[in-house]
Each structure stands twice: as C-alpha cells, then as structure tokens.
Amino acid sequence: MSAPSTSLSAPDRVLHAALRAGRTAEVLNLLEPLSVVQRRRAWNAVRKSADAIDAAPIGERDEQGRWSGSLRRGHHDAASVARLATRTAPAATRVHPVELPIARDIIPRLFPDDLQGFVEAWAQRFVANPKAWDRNRGIEAMFDWAQSGLIPPPTQRGAVLLLISQPGLSRYLEERPILIDTTLPRLFEVAGQKGVSAPQRDETMPGLTLGAHIIPRLIREGRWERAQVLGWCGHALAIPRSEYELRWFRALRERLLGSA
C-alpha cells in the first residue's frame, strides 16, 4: 500500500487521508474555509486518488493504496467534493456527474455567490443533450435552491425543459411550489426539442400527464386561472414549434374550452 508523499504538507496529508477513507464531510470541512487559491493548490494532494476513485466501480480494492478498503459511495462523494472545491466556480460548473445531495447541499456552501452561474451552465448543458443522463445528473438541484430562496426560480429554456422532465412531476411541484408560478408557466413560451417536450413527456413518462392531469388540477385548485392558461396557449401556438408540439397545445386548449 502506498503512503502519501512525504513532500505533502501536514494539512495536505490530512486531506489526502480523509479522501482515501471516503470521509466526505471531513474533506468538505477541510476545504471549505480555504481561499480559492489555497483550494486550487490542494488539488495536487488528492488528484491521483480522486481520479482513480472516479474511474473505479463500487466494491473494488486498490493495491496502490489510492483509497482504503473496498470502494464505497462515500469515496466517490469525497472525490466529487474535492474535485468541485479545488476549482474556480466557472470550472466547477463543468464537473460531472455530481450526485444530487452534493449538488443541492454542498455546492451552495462552496460557491454561495456563484449559484446563478451554475444555473446558466446547467440549463445550457441540458438543452445541448437532454439524454446525457450522467452529465445531467444532479443539475435539478437548481430547483431546490430556488425553493430554499438561494436563487430566483430558474426561467431559462433548459431549466423549463428540465423541470417537466422530472419523474413524478405532480408531487415534485407540490414539494417546490415556488416553481408553479415562475418556472412552469415558461413552458408556454419556450420551444421543446427532440428528446424533451411536453408531448413527449406525456407519452413516455409514467404517472399523471401534464396536459390532461397536472395543468387542469392547477386550475381546479386555483393556482392558475383557466382564462389565463387559455391565453398562454394562444401564445404557445403563435411561436415557432414543431407540429408535434403544436398538436399538444391545441389539444390542451380544446380540453380547457370544453371544461368551461
């Protein structure tokens, strides 16, 4: 088993030991108080172990001692925290994948003044490839940040399309009601794309559909006004969209008119 290099400073040896053991909270607590410059320098102490951990599957052991024991989820989480914390905010927005708990709870601690930059970068990433599951993992943390008041509710096209892609959308909105009057109405203003749109969501995702269940329920509960939504439908039908999407919005409008 290899030991940390004797050239490492005492703090770097402590950090390296915490990473090798998969102690995520300790890695965070060691890096969070440091300046950006100090954090970036700390990467040299953990880079080899973090890279090896990220490339290895759960349960594997390492004869080189780059991690201790069988590889656990905690090792991966500790490596993710180290990778995020030792980068500038713009560079950290490109780190992937990041598990949701880390994105939701730890990024705000490491970059409290840069969360909007993460939202912009993540929204663009989702639009670029909605089906890149690993690259997009954890970026829905932006909605929890909004509900917690850390950022304004996201309204970028990518954020809107990401929202309607969430499993169990009805309950998801109930748990994050701030999105109902902010992010969700933008659905009528942005075009979908191949891989993510309102009609595709309703055809391919199990559970309550957006057009036949969720939107009518918001109206019944008084969260949205029927006349207001009809106006939104008119706007949605007036902007460039695929015929696939246009049919969905026409059907929604007809459904609402028929419920008068």
Protein backbone atom coordinates (compact mmCIF):
# COMPACT_ATOMS: atom_id res chain seq x y z
CA MET A 1 0.00 0.00 0.00
CA SER A 2 1.38 3.37 -0.96
CA ALA A 3 1.55 6.20 1.53
CA PRO A 4 1.01 9.90 0.85
CA SER A 5 4.09 11.58 -0.50
CA THR A 6 6.40 12.90 2.20
CA SER A 7 6.57 16.11 0.19
CA LEU A 8 2.97 16.90 1.16
CA SER A 9 2.38 19.46 3.87
CA ALA A 10 0.71 18.34 7.07
CA PRO A 11 -2.70 19.79 6.05
CA ASP A 12 -2.43 18.13 2.65
CA ARG A 13 -1.67 14.78 4.28
CA VAL A 14 -4.78 15.13 6.44
CA LEU A 15 -6.85 15.95 3.35
CA HIS A 16 -5.42 13.03 1.42
CA ALA A 17 -6.14 10.66 4.30
CA ALA A 18 -9.76 11.86 4.50
CA LEU A 19 -10.25 11.32 0.79
CA ARG A 20 -8.67 7.85 0.82
CA ALA A 21 -11.03 6.85 3.63
CA GLY A 22 -14.09 8.29 1.87
CA ARG A 23 -14.88 10.76 4.67
CA THR A 24 -16.87 13.26 2.63
CA ALA A 25 -17.78 15.61 5.49
CA GLU A 26 -14.17 15.85 6.58
CA VAL A 27 -13.00 16.63 3.03
CA LEU A 28 -15.59 19.40 2.86
CA ASN A 29 -14.70 20.80 6.27
CA LEU A 30 -11.02 20.89 5.37
CA LEU A 31 -11.51 22.65 2.03
CA GLU A 32 -14.43 24.98 2.70
CA PRO A 33 -12.56 27.53 4.87
CA LEU A 34 -9.69 27.88 2.40
CA SER A 35 -9.27 30.66 -0.12
CA VAL A 36 -9.78 29.89 -3.79
CA VAL A 37 -6.01 29.87 -4.33
CA GLN A 38 -5.45 27.51 -1.41
CA ARG A 39 -8.19 25.19 -2.59
CA ARG A 40 -6.75 25.00 -6.09
CA ARG A 41 -3.30 24.14 -4.71
CA ALA A 42 -4.84 21.40 -2.55
CA TRP A 43 -5.87 19.50 -5.67
CA ASN A 44 -2.28 18.37 -6.15
CA ALA A 45 -2.53 16.43 -2.88
CA VAL A 46 -5.58 14.42 -3.89
CA ARG A 47 -5.61 14.37 -7.69
CA LYS A 48 -4.24 10.85 -8.18
CA SER A 49 -6.57 9.31 -5.62
CA ALA A 50 -9.60 11.27 -6.80
CA ASP A 51 -9.01 10.32 -10.45
CA ALA A 52 -8.56 6.66 -9.53
CA ILE A 53 -11.68 6.63 -7.36
CA ASP A 54 -13.80 8.22 -10.08
CA ALA A 55 -12.67 5.57 -12.56
CA ALA A 56 -13.32 2.57 -10.32
CA PRO A 57 -16.54 0.67 -9.53
CA ILE A 58 -18.10 0.24 -6.11
CA GLY A 59 -16.56 -2.68 -4.19
CA GLU A 60 -13.15 -2.61 -5.85
CA ARG A 61 -9.94 -2.58 -3.83
CA ASP A 62 -6.74 -0.80 -4.81
CA GLU A 63 -3.33 -2.37 -4.28
CA GLN A 64 -1.70 1.01 -4.84
CA GLY A 65 -3.46 2.43 -1.79
CA ARG A 66 -5.15 5.28 -3.59
CA TRP A 67 -8.19 4.52 -1.45
CA SER A 68 -8.62 2.38 1.63
CA GLY A 69 -10.75 -0.74 1.87
CA SER A 70 -13.48 -1.61 -0.61
CA LEU A 71 -14.58 1.36 -2.69
CA ARG A 72 -17.81 2.83 -1.31
CA ARG A 73 -20.24 5.53 -2.34
CA GLY A 74 -18.54 7.69 0.26
CA HIS A 75 -15.28 7.50 -1.66
CA HIS A 76 -16.98 8.75 -4.81
CA ASP A 77 -18.72 11.54 -2.90
CA ALA A 78 -15.49 12.61 -1.24
CA ALA A 79 -13.75 12.69 -4.63
CA SER A 80 -16.59 14.77 -6.09
CA VAL A 81 -16.35 17.28 -3.25
CA ALA A 82 -12.58 17.53 -3.67
CA ARG A 83 -12.92 18.00 -7.42
CA LEU A 84 -15.55 20.72 -7.03
CA ALA A 85 -13.91 22.55 -4.16
CA THR A 86 -10.50 22.82 -5.82
CA ARG A 87 -11.84 24.57 -8.92
CA THR A 88 -12.97 28.07 -9.70
CA ALA A 89 -16.73 28.45 -9.95
CA PRO A 90 -16.79 28.50 -13.78
CA ALA A 91 -14.67 25.35 -13.89
CA ALA A 92 -16.79 23.68 -11.21
CA THR A 93 -19.92 24.12 -13.35
CA ARG A 94 -18.34 21.67 -15.81
CA VAL A 95 -17.70 18.92 -13.25
CA HIS A 96 -19.90 15.89 -13.86
CA PRO A 97 -21.53 13.75 -12.80
CA VAL A 98 -22.43 15.20 -9.41
CA GLU A 99 -24.91 13.36 -7.22
CA LEU A 100 -27.99 15.36 -6.23
CA PRO A 101 -27.22 15.62 -2.48
CA ILE A 102 -23.80 17.08 -3.24
CA ALA A 103 -25.15 19.48 -5.85
CA ARG A 104 -28.04 20.53 -3.63
CA ASP A 105 -26.29 20.85 -0.28
CA ILE A 106 -22.56 21.26 -0.84
CA ILE A 107 -22.22 23.49 -3.91
CA PRO A 108 -24.03 26.34 -2.08
CA ARG A 109 -21.51 26.04 0.74
CA LEU A 110 -18.53 26.11 -1.61
CA PHE A 111 -19.83 28.75 -4.05
CA PRO A 112 -22.55 30.77 -2.27
CA ASP A 113 -22.12 33.78 -4.55
CA ASP A 114 -21.92 31.86 -7.82
CA LEU A 115 -25.08 29.74 -7.90
CA GLN A 116 -26.59 31.67 -10.80
CA GLY A 117 -23.57 30.73 -12.89
CA PHE A 118 -24.26 27.07 -12.17
CA VAL A 119 -27.89 27.53 -13.23
CA GLU A 120 -26.91 29.13 -16.52
CA ALA A 121 -24.29 26.49 -17.32
CA TRP A 122 -26.52 23.59 -16.31
CA ALA A 123 -29.52 24.88 -18.27
CA GLN A 124 -27.34 25.14 -21.38
CA ARG A 125 -25.95 21.65 -20.74
CA PHE A 126 -29.44 20.17 -20.58
CA VAL A 127 -30.54 21.81 -23.82
CA ALA A 128 -27.37 20.60 -25.53
CA ASN A 129 -28.17 16.96 -24.71
CA PRO A 130 -31.24 16.14 -22.61
CA LYS A 131 -30.48 12.42 -22.78
CA ALA A 132 -26.95 12.69 -21.37
CA TRP A 133 -28.03 11.13 -18.08
CA ASP A 134 -24.62 11.11 -16.40
CA ARG A 135 -23.67 14.62 -17.46
CA ASN A 136 -27.05 15.96 -16.30
CA ARG A 137 -27.17 14.08 -13.02
CA GLY A 138 -27.80 16.38 -10.07
CA ILE A 139 -28.45 19.58 -12.01
CA GLU A 140 -32.08 19.60 -10.82
CA ALA A 141 -30.59 20.91 -7.56
CA MET A 142 -31.31 24.35 -9.01
CA PHE A 143 -35.00 23.85 -8.20
CA ASP A 144 -34.26 23.06 -4.56
CA TRP A 145 -32.05 26.16 -4.38
CA ALA A 146 -34.98 28.21 -5.68
CA GLN A 147 -37.39 26.72 -3.16
CA SER A 148 -34.88 27.46 -0.38
CA GLY A 149 -34.57 31.09 -1.52
CA LEU A 150 -30.93 30.82 -2.54
CA ILE A 151 -31.64 31.90 -6.14
CA PRO A 152 -34.60 33.27 -8.12
CA PRO A 153 -36.64 30.49 -9.74
CA PRO A 154 -34.88 29.49 -13.00
CA THR A 155 -36.64 30.54 -16.20
CA GLN A 156 -34.06 29.56 -18.84
CA ARG A 157 -35.31 27.29 -21.61
CA GLY A 158 -33.12 24.45 -20.38
CA ALA A 159 -34.45 24.85 -16.85
CA VAL A 160 -38.06 24.72 -18.04
CA LEU A 161 -37.45 21.59 -20.08
CA LEU A 162 -35.53 20.04 -17.18
CA LEU A 163 -38.46 20.73 -14.86
CA ILE A 164 -41.05 18.99 -16.99
CA SER A 165 -38.68 16.04 -17.29
CA GLN A 166 -38.74 15.33 -13.55
CA PRO A 167 -40.32 12.00 -12.58
CA GLY A 168 -43.47 12.33 -10.51
CA LEU A 169 -43.89 15.93 -11.65
CA SER A 170 -47.15 16.48 -9.78
CA ARG A 171 -45.62 15.68 -6.41
CA TYR A 172 -42.37 17.37 -7.42
CA LEU A 173 -44.27 20.64 -7.86
CA GLU A 174 -46.16 20.18 -4.62
CA GLU A 175 -42.85 19.98 -2.80
CA ARG A 176 -41.46 23.01 -4.67
CA PRO A 177 -44.48 25.29 -5.07
CA ILE A 178 -42.36 28.32 -5.90
CA LEU A 179 -41.91 26.82 -9.39
CA ILE A 180 -45.64 26.72 -10.17
CA ASP A 181 -45.97 30.45 -10.88
CA THR A 182 -42.45 31.07 -12.15
CA THR A 183 -40.65 28.28 -14.00
CA LEU A 184 -43.62 26.17 -15.13
CA PRO A 185 -45.54 28.94 -16.98
CA ARG A 186 -42.49 29.42 -19.18
CA LEU A 187 -43.47 26.11 -20.78
CA PHE A 188 -45.83 28.14 -22.96
CA GLU A 189 -43.04 30.48 -24.06
CA VAL A 190 -40.17 28.14 -24.93
CA ALA A 191 -40.00 25.52 -27.64
CA GLY A 192 -39.24 21.93 -26.84
CA GLN A 193 -36.75 19.88 -28.79
CA LYS A 194 -36.04 16.32 -29.76
CA GLY A 195 -35.66 14.38 -26.56
CA VAL A 196 -37.67 16.68 -24.33
CA SER A 197 -41.01 18.44 -24.80
CA ALA A 198 -44.45 18.49 -23.22
CA PRO A 199 -46.00 15.92 -25.61
CA GLN A 200 -43.02 13.59 -25.38
CA ARG A 201 -43.09 13.81 -21.60
CA ASP A 202 -46.77 12.88 -21.51
CA GLU A 203 -46.30 9.98 -23.91
CA THR A 204 -43.22 8.43 -22.35
CA MET A 205 -43.24 9.11 -18.60
CA PRO A 206 -45.45 7.12 -16.23
CA GLY A 207 -47.86 8.79 -13.87
CA LEU A 208 -50.05 11.85 -14.23
CA THR A 209 -49.73 13.66 -17.55
CA LEU A 210 -49.04 17.35 -17.79
CA GLY A 211 -51.80 18.16 -20.28
CA ALA A 212 -54.66 16.01 -19.01
CA HIS A 213 -53.98 16.00 -15.28
CA ILE A 214 -51.42 18.41 -13.83
CA ILE A 215 -52.42 21.63 -15.61
CA PRO A 216 -56.19 21.03 -15.14
CA ARG A 217 -55.56 20.32 -11.47
CA LEU A 218 -53.64 23.58 -11.02
CA ILE A 219 -56.67 25.35 -12.46
CA ARG A 220 -59.15 23.47 -10.25
CA GLU A 221 -57.09 24.30 -7.17
CA GLY A 222 -56.96 27.99 -8.08
CA ARG A 223 -53.24 28.10 -8.65
CA TRP A 224 -53.81 29.10 -12.27
CA GLU A 225 -56.84 30.76 -13.89
CA ARG A 226 -58.44 28.98 -16.84
CA ALA A 227 -58.63 32.19 -18.90
CA GLN A 228 -55.00 32.87 -18.12
CA VAL A 229 -53.93 29.42 -19.31
CA LEU A 230 -56.03 29.80 -22.47
CA GLY A 231 -54.12 32.99 -23.15
CA TRP A 232 -50.86 31.17 -22.61
CA CYS A 233 -51.99 28.50 -25.07
CA GLY A 234 -52.63 31.21 -27.65
CA HIS A 235 -49.11 32.49 -27.16
CA ALA A 236 -47.68 28.97 -27.33
CA LEU A 237 -49.41 28.38 -30.66
CA ALA A 238 -48.09 31.64 -32.11
CA ILE A 239 -44.39 30.91 -31.73
CA PRO A 240 -42.32 28.57 -33.92
CA ARG A 241 -42.69 24.97 -32.79
CA SER A 242 -42.80 21.51 -34.23
CA GLU A 243 -46.19 20.25 -35.38
CA TYR A 244 -45.83 17.61 -32.70
CA GLU A 245 -45.83 20.30 -30.01
CA LEU A 246 -48.49 22.41 -31.70
CA ARG A 247 -50.92 19.46 -31.59
CA TRP A 248 -50.33 19.13 -27.86
CA PHE A 249 -51.07 22.79 -27.16
CA ARG A 250 -54.16 22.70 -29.41
CA ALA A 251 -55.41 19.66 -27.51
CA LEU A 252 -54.81 21.42 -24.20
CA ARG A 253 -56.72 24.49 -25.37
CA GLU A 254 -59.63 22.36 -26.59
CA ARG A 255 -59.67 20.44 -23.31
CA LEU A 256 -59.86 23.69 -21.33
CA LEU A 257 -62.54 25.18 -23.56
CA GLY A 258 -64.58 22.00 -23.18
CA SER A 259 -64.38 22.20 -19.40
CA ALA A 260 -66.00 25.64 -19.23
